[in-house]
């Protein structure tokens, strides 16, 4: 596959842009450093030939251990057994609510 086509398959998106109540298979998890500090970067499947890179909010990144990351990345198949789901927005705190499914 040409490099141009590979770039078209990967895009970064704000985590708040995920569709509500849609399961996104997690392909990979890794530690990352941003201008806001340490976080976790998730690579998720958006469509059969499209992946998204998502930075977890700090409150979620803080609870993900290195062991959790290894466990997510262990699956030899293309997809992980883990899915992230955007549940809702907390109106009181204007924060996003997510969950993980296995």
N, C-alpha and C. Protein backbone atom coordinates (compact mmCIF):
# COMPACT_ATOMS: atom_id res chain seq x y z
N UNK A 1 0.84 -1.17 0.00
CA UNK A 1 0.00 0.00 0.00
C UNK A 1 0.89 1.24 0.00
N UNK A 2 0.52 2.22 -0.78
CA UNK A 2 1.30 3.45 -0.86
C UNK A 2 1.17 4.26 0.42
N UNK A 3 2.22 5.03 0.71
CA UNK A 3 2.24 5.83 1.92
C UNK A 3 1.07 6.81 1.96
N UNK A 4 0.75 7.40 0.83
CA UNK A 4 -0.38 8.35 0.76
C UNK A 4 -1.67 7.68 1.23
N UNK A 5 -1.92 6.47 0.78
CA UNK A 5 -3.14 5.74 1.16
C UNK A 5 -3.13 5.41 2.64
N UNK A 6 -1.96 5.07 3.19
CA UNK A 6 -1.86 4.78 4.62
C UNK A 6 -2.20 6.01 5.45
N UNK A 7 -1.74 7.18 5.02
CA UNK A 7 -2.03 8.41 5.76
C UNK A 7 -3.52 8.73 5.75
N UNK A 8 -4.19 8.41 4.67
CA UNK A 8 -5.62 8.67 4.59
C UNK A 8 -6.41 7.77 5.54
N UNK A 9 -5.83 6.62 5.90
CA UNK A 9 -6.52 5.67 6.76
C UNK A 9 -6.43 6.05 8.23
N UNK A 10 -5.48 6.89 8.60
CA UNK A 10 -5.28 7.25 10.00
C UNK A 10 -5.61 8.73 10.18
N UNK A 11 -6.44 9.01 11.16
CA UNK A 11 -6.71 10.41 11.44
C UNK A 11 -6.81 10.60 12.95
N UNK A 12 -6.48 11.79 13.38
CA UNK A 12 -6.66 12.14 14.79
C UNK A 12 -7.99 12.84 14.92
N UNK A 13 -8.66 12.54 15.99
CA UNK A 13 -9.96 13.16 16.23
C UNK A 13 -10.07 13.43 17.72
N UNK A 14 -10.80 14.43 18.06
CA UNK A 14 -11.04 14.71 19.47
C UNK A 14 -11.92 13.58 20.01
N UNK A 15 -11.61 13.15 21.21
CA UNK A 15 -12.36 12.04 21.78
C UNK A 15 -13.84 12.37 21.94
N UNK A 16 -14.17 13.64 22.12
CA UNK A 16 -15.57 14.03 22.25
C UNK A 16 -16.35 13.87 20.94
N UNK A 17 -15.63 13.67 19.81
CA UNK A 17 -16.30 13.50 18.52
C UNK A 17 -16.77 12.07 18.27
N UNK A 18 -16.44 11.15 19.18
CA UNK A 18 -16.92 9.78 19.01
C UNK A 18 -18.44 9.75 19.10
N UNK A 19 -19.04 8.88 18.32
CA UNK A 19 -20.50 8.74 18.37
C UNK A 19 -20.91 8.11 19.70
N UNK A 20 -21.98 8.62 20.27
CA UNK A 20 -22.48 8.12 21.54
C UNK A 20 -23.00 6.70 21.35
N UNK A 21 -22.71 5.84 22.34
CA UNK A 21 -23.17 4.45 22.38
C UNK A 21 -22.70 3.60 21.20
N UNK A 22 -21.56 3.93 20.65
CA UNK A 22 -20.96 3.15 19.57
C UNK A 22 -19.68 2.52 20.10
N UNK A 23 -19.53 1.20 19.91
CA UNK A 23 -18.32 0.51 20.35
C UNK A 23 -17.21 0.71 19.32
N UNK A 24 -16.07 1.19 19.78
CA UNK A 24 -14.89 1.36 18.94
C UNK A 24 -13.82 0.37 19.42
N UNK A 25 -13.49 -0.65 18.61
CA UNK A 25 -12.47 -1.61 19.02
C UNK A 25 -11.12 -0.91 19.21
N UNK A 26 -10.46 -1.21 20.32
CA UNK A 26 -9.14 -0.65 20.59
C UNK A 26 -8.10 -1.56 19.96
N UNK A 27 -7.31 -1.00 19.06
CA UNK A 27 -6.27 -1.75 18.37
C UNK A 27 -4.98 -1.71 19.17
N UNK A 28 -4.69 -0.56 19.77
CA UNK A 28 -3.43 -0.39 20.50
C UNK A 28 -3.60 0.70 21.56
N UNK A 29 -2.85 0.53 22.65
CA UNK A 29 -2.79 1.55 23.70
C UNK A 29 -1.32 1.80 24.00
N UNK A 30 -0.99 3.06 24.28
CA UNK A 30 0.40 3.39 24.61
C UNK A 30 0.43 4.67 25.43
N UNK A 31 1.48 4.80 26.21
CA UNK A 31 1.71 6.03 26.97
C UNK A 31 2.14 7.12 26.01
N UNK A 32 1.74 8.36 26.29
CA UNK A 32 2.11 9.48 25.43
C UNK A 32 2.30 10.73 26.29
N UNK A 33 3.08 11.64 25.78
CA UNK A 33 3.31 12.92 26.45
C UNK A 33 2.78 14.01 25.53
N UNK A 34 1.93 14.88 26.09
CA UNK A 34 1.40 16.01 25.33
C UNK A 34 1.79 17.29 26.06
N UNK A 35 1.40 18.41 25.50
CA UNK A 35 1.68 19.68 26.16
C UNK A 35 0.91 19.80 27.48
N UNK A 36 -0.09 18.95 27.69
CA UNK A 36 -0.86 18.93 28.93
C UNK A 36 -0.34 17.91 29.93
N UNK A 37 0.68 17.15 29.56
CA UNK A 37 1.25 16.15 30.46
C UNK A 37 1.09 14.74 29.92
N UNK A 38 1.30 13.77 30.82
CA UNK A 38 1.21 12.35 30.45
C UNK A 38 -0.23 11.93 30.23
N UNK A 39 -0.43 11.05 29.25
CA UNK A 39 -1.75 10.52 28.97
C UNK A 39 -1.60 9.16 28.31
N UNK A 40 -2.71 8.61 27.86
CA UNK A 40 -2.72 7.35 27.12
C UNK A 40 -3.29 7.64 25.74
N UNK A 41 -2.60 7.16 24.73
CA UNK A 41 -3.04 7.31 23.34
C UNK A 41 -3.64 5.98 22.91
N UNK A 42 -4.89 6.02 22.48
CA UNK A 42 -5.55 4.83 21.97
C UNK A 42 -5.65 4.91 20.46
N UNK A 43 -5.40 3.80 19.81
CA UNK A 43 -5.67 3.65 18.39
C UNK A 43 -6.90 2.78 18.29
N UNK A 44 -7.97 3.32 17.71
CA UNK A 44 -9.24 2.58 17.63
C UNK A 44 -9.68 2.45 16.18
N UNK A 45 -10.45 1.41 15.94
CA UNK A 45 -10.99 1.16 14.60
C UNK A 45 -12.27 1.95 14.43
N UNK A 46 -12.31 2.80 13.41
CA UNK A 46 -13.49 3.63 13.13
C UNK A 46 -14.34 3.02 12.02
N UNK A 47 -13.70 2.40 11.06
CA UNK A 47 -14.35 1.76 9.92
C UNK A 47 -13.40 0.66 9.45
N UNK A 48 -13.83 -0.20 8.55
CA UNK A 48 -12.94 -1.30 8.15
C UNK A 48 -11.53 -0.88 7.74
N UNK A 49 -11.38 0.25 7.10
CA UNK A 49 -10.05 0.70 6.67
C UNK A 49 -9.68 2.05 7.25
N UNK A 50 -10.19 2.37 8.43
CA UNK A 50 -9.94 3.68 9.01
C UNK A 50 -9.71 3.54 10.52
N UNK A 51 -8.61 4.12 10.98
CA UNK A 51 -8.33 4.11 12.41
C UNK A 51 -8.22 5.54 12.92
N UNK A 52 -8.53 5.71 14.21
CA UNK A 52 -8.44 7.01 14.85
C UNK A 52 -7.44 6.93 15.99
N UNK A 53 -6.73 8.02 16.22
CA UNK A 53 -5.84 8.16 17.36
C UNK A 53 -6.54 9.08 18.35
N UNK A 54 -6.72 8.61 19.58
CA UNK A 54 -7.45 9.36 20.59
C UNK A 54 -6.64 9.48 21.87
N UNK A 55 -6.51 10.68 22.39
CA UNK A 55 -5.86 10.89 23.68
C UNK A 55 -6.93 10.82 24.77
N UNK A 56 -6.73 9.96 25.75
CA UNK A 56 -7.68 9.86 26.84
C UNK A 56 -7.59 11.08 27.75
N UNK A 57 -8.73 11.53 28.27
CA UNK A 57 -8.68 12.58 29.29
C UNK A 57 -7.85 12.09 30.49
N UNK A 58 -7.23 13.01 31.20
CA UNK A 58 -6.32 12.65 32.30
C UNK A 58 -6.97 11.76 33.35
N UNK A 59 -8.22 12.00 33.68
CA UNK A 59 -8.85 11.20 34.75
C UNK A 59 -8.95 9.73 34.36
N UNK A 60 -9.04 9.44 33.05
CA UNK A 60 -9.04 8.06 32.60
C UNK A 60 -7.61 7.54 32.46
N UNK A 61 -6.72 8.37 31.94
CA UNK A 61 -5.34 7.96 31.73
C UNK A 61 -4.67 7.60 33.05
N UNK A 62 -5.05 8.27 34.14
CA UNK A 62 -4.45 8.00 35.45
C UNK A 62 -4.76 6.61 35.97
N UNK A 63 -5.89 6.05 35.57
CA UNK A 63 -6.27 4.73 36.09
C UNK A 63 -5.78 3.57 35.22
N UNK A 64 -5.21 3.88 34.06
CA UNK A 64 -4.69 2.84 33.16
C UNK A 64 -3.25 2.54 33.56
N UNK A 65 -3.00 1.32 34.01
CA UNK A 65 -1.65 0.92 34.42
C UNK A 65 -0.87 0.39 33.22
N UNK A 66 0.44 0.25 33.41
CA UNK A 66 1.26 -0.34 32.36
C UNK A 66 0.82 -1.78 32.08
N UNK A 67 0.40 -2.48 33.12
CA UNK A 67 -0.11 -3.85 32.95
C UNK A 67 -1.37 -3.85 32.10
N UNK A 68 -2.25 -2.87 32.32
CA UNK A 68 -3.45 -2.75 31.50
C UNK A 68 -3.10 -2.55 30.03
N UNK A 69 -2.12 -1.70 29.78
CA UNK A 69 -1.70 -1.42 28.40
C UNK A 69 -1.15 -2.69 27.75
N UNK A 70 -0.32 -3.43 28.48
CA UNK A 70 0.22 -4.69 27.95
C UNK A 70 -0.93 -5.64 27.65
N UNK A 71 -1.90 -5.73 28.55
CA UNK A 71 -3.04 -6.63 28.36
C UNK A 71 -3.86 -6.24 27.11
N UNK A 72 -4.08 -4.96 26.93
CA UNK A 72 -4.81 -4.49 25.74
C UNK A 72 -4.05 -4.85 24.47
N UNK A 73 -2.72 -4.71 24.49
CA UNK A 73 -1.90 -4.92 23.30
C UNK A 73 -1.53 -6.38 23.06
N UNK A 74 -1.91 -7.29 23.94
CA UNK A 74 -1.52 -8.69 23.83
C UNK A 74 -2.18 -9.44 22.69
N UNK A 75 -3.34 -9.05 22.30
CA UNK A 75 -4.10 -9.81 21.31
C UNK A 75 -3.34 -9.87 19.99
N UNK A 76 -3.04 -11.06 19.49
CA UNK A 76 -2.30 -11.18 18.22
C UNK A 76 -3.13 -10.81 17.00
N UNK A 77 -4.44 -10.77 17.17
CA UNK A 77 -5.31 -10.39 16.06
C UNK A 77 -5.25 -8.88 15.85
N UNK A 78 -5.83 -8.39 14.76
CA UNK A 78 -5.82 -6.96 14.45
C UNK A 78 -6.57 -6.18 15.51
N UNK A 79 -7.70 -6.70 15.97
CA UNK A 79 -8.51 -6.00 16.96
C UNK A 79 -8.18 -6.50 18.36
N UNK A 80 -8.28 -5.63 19.28
CA UNK A 80 -8.18 -5.99 20.68
C UNK A 80 -9.53 -6.52 21.13
N UNK A 81 -9.53 -7.14 22.29
CA UNK A 81 -10.80 -7.57 22.88
C UNK A 81 -11.48 -6.44 23.62
N UNK A 82 -10.86 -5.27 23.64
CA UNK A 82 -11.39 -4.12 24.36
C UNK A 82 -12.02 -3.12 23.40
N UNK A 83 -13.12 -2.50 23.86
CA UNK A 83 -13.80 -1.47 23.08
C UNK A 83 -14.03 -0.26 23.99
N UNK A 84 -13.86 0.93 23.43
CA UNK A 84 -14.20 2.15 24.17
C UNK A 84 -15.55 2.64 23.65
N UNK A 85 -16.37 3.12 24.58
CA UNK A 85 -17.70 3.62 24.22
C UNK A 85 -17.91 4.97 24.89
N UNK A 86 -18.30 5.95 24.09
CA UNK A 86 -18.67 7.28 24.61
C UNK A 86 -20.10 7.16 25.10
N UNK A 87 -20.26 7.23 26.41
CA UNK A 87 -21.58 7.04 27.00
C UNK A 87 -22.43 8.30 26.96
N UNK A 88 -21.85 9.40 27.44
CA UNK A 88 -22.64 10.62 27.55
C UNK A 88 -21.74 11.76 27.99
N UNK A 89 -22.35 12.92 28.19
CA UNK A 89 -21.64 14.07 28.74
C UNK A 89 -22.27 14.41 30.09
N UNK A 90 -21.43 14.62 31.09
CA UNK A 90 -21.91 15.02 32.39
C UNK A 90 -22.22 16.51 32.34
N UNK A 91 -23.50 16.90 32.35
CA UNK A 91 -23.85 18.32 32.19
C UNK A 91 -23.38 19.20 33.35
N UNK A 92 -23.28 18.59 34.53
CA UNK A 92 -22.87 19.37 35.69
C UNK A 92 -21.40 19.81 35.59
N UNK A 93 -20.56 18.92 35.09
CA UNK A 93 -19.13 19.20 35.03
C UNK A 93 -18.62 19.42 33.61
N UNK A 94 -19.51 19.32 32.62
CA UNK A 94 -19.13 19.46 31.21
C UNK A 94 -17.99 18.51 30.85
N UNK A 95 -18.08 17.29 31.36
CA UNK A 95 -17.04 16.30 31.07
C UNK A 95 -17.66 15.09 30.38
N UNK A 96 -16.84 14.42 29.59
CA UNK A 96 -17.28 13.26 28.85
C UNK A 96 -17.21 12.02 29.72
N UNK A 97 -18.12 11.09 29.47
CA UNK A 97 -18.16 9.84 30.23
C UNK A 97 -17.94 8.70 29.24
N UNK A 98 -16.98 7.84 29.57
CA UNK A 98 -16.64 6.70 28.71
C UNK A 98 -16.65 5.43 29.53
N UNK A 99 -16.73 4.31 28.85
CA UNK A 99 -16.56 3.02 29.50
C UNK A 99 -15.78 2.11 28.55
N UNK A 100 -15.25 1.02 29.11
CA UNK A 100 -14.56 0.01 28.32
C UNK A 100 -15.36 -1.28 28.41
N UNK A 101 -15.45 -1.97 27.28
CA UNK A 101 -16.08 -3.27 27.23
C UNK A 101 -15.05 -4.29 26.79
N UNK A 102 -15.19 -5.51 27.30
CA UNK A 102 -14.32 -6.60 26.84
C UNK A 102 -15.16 -7.66 26.19
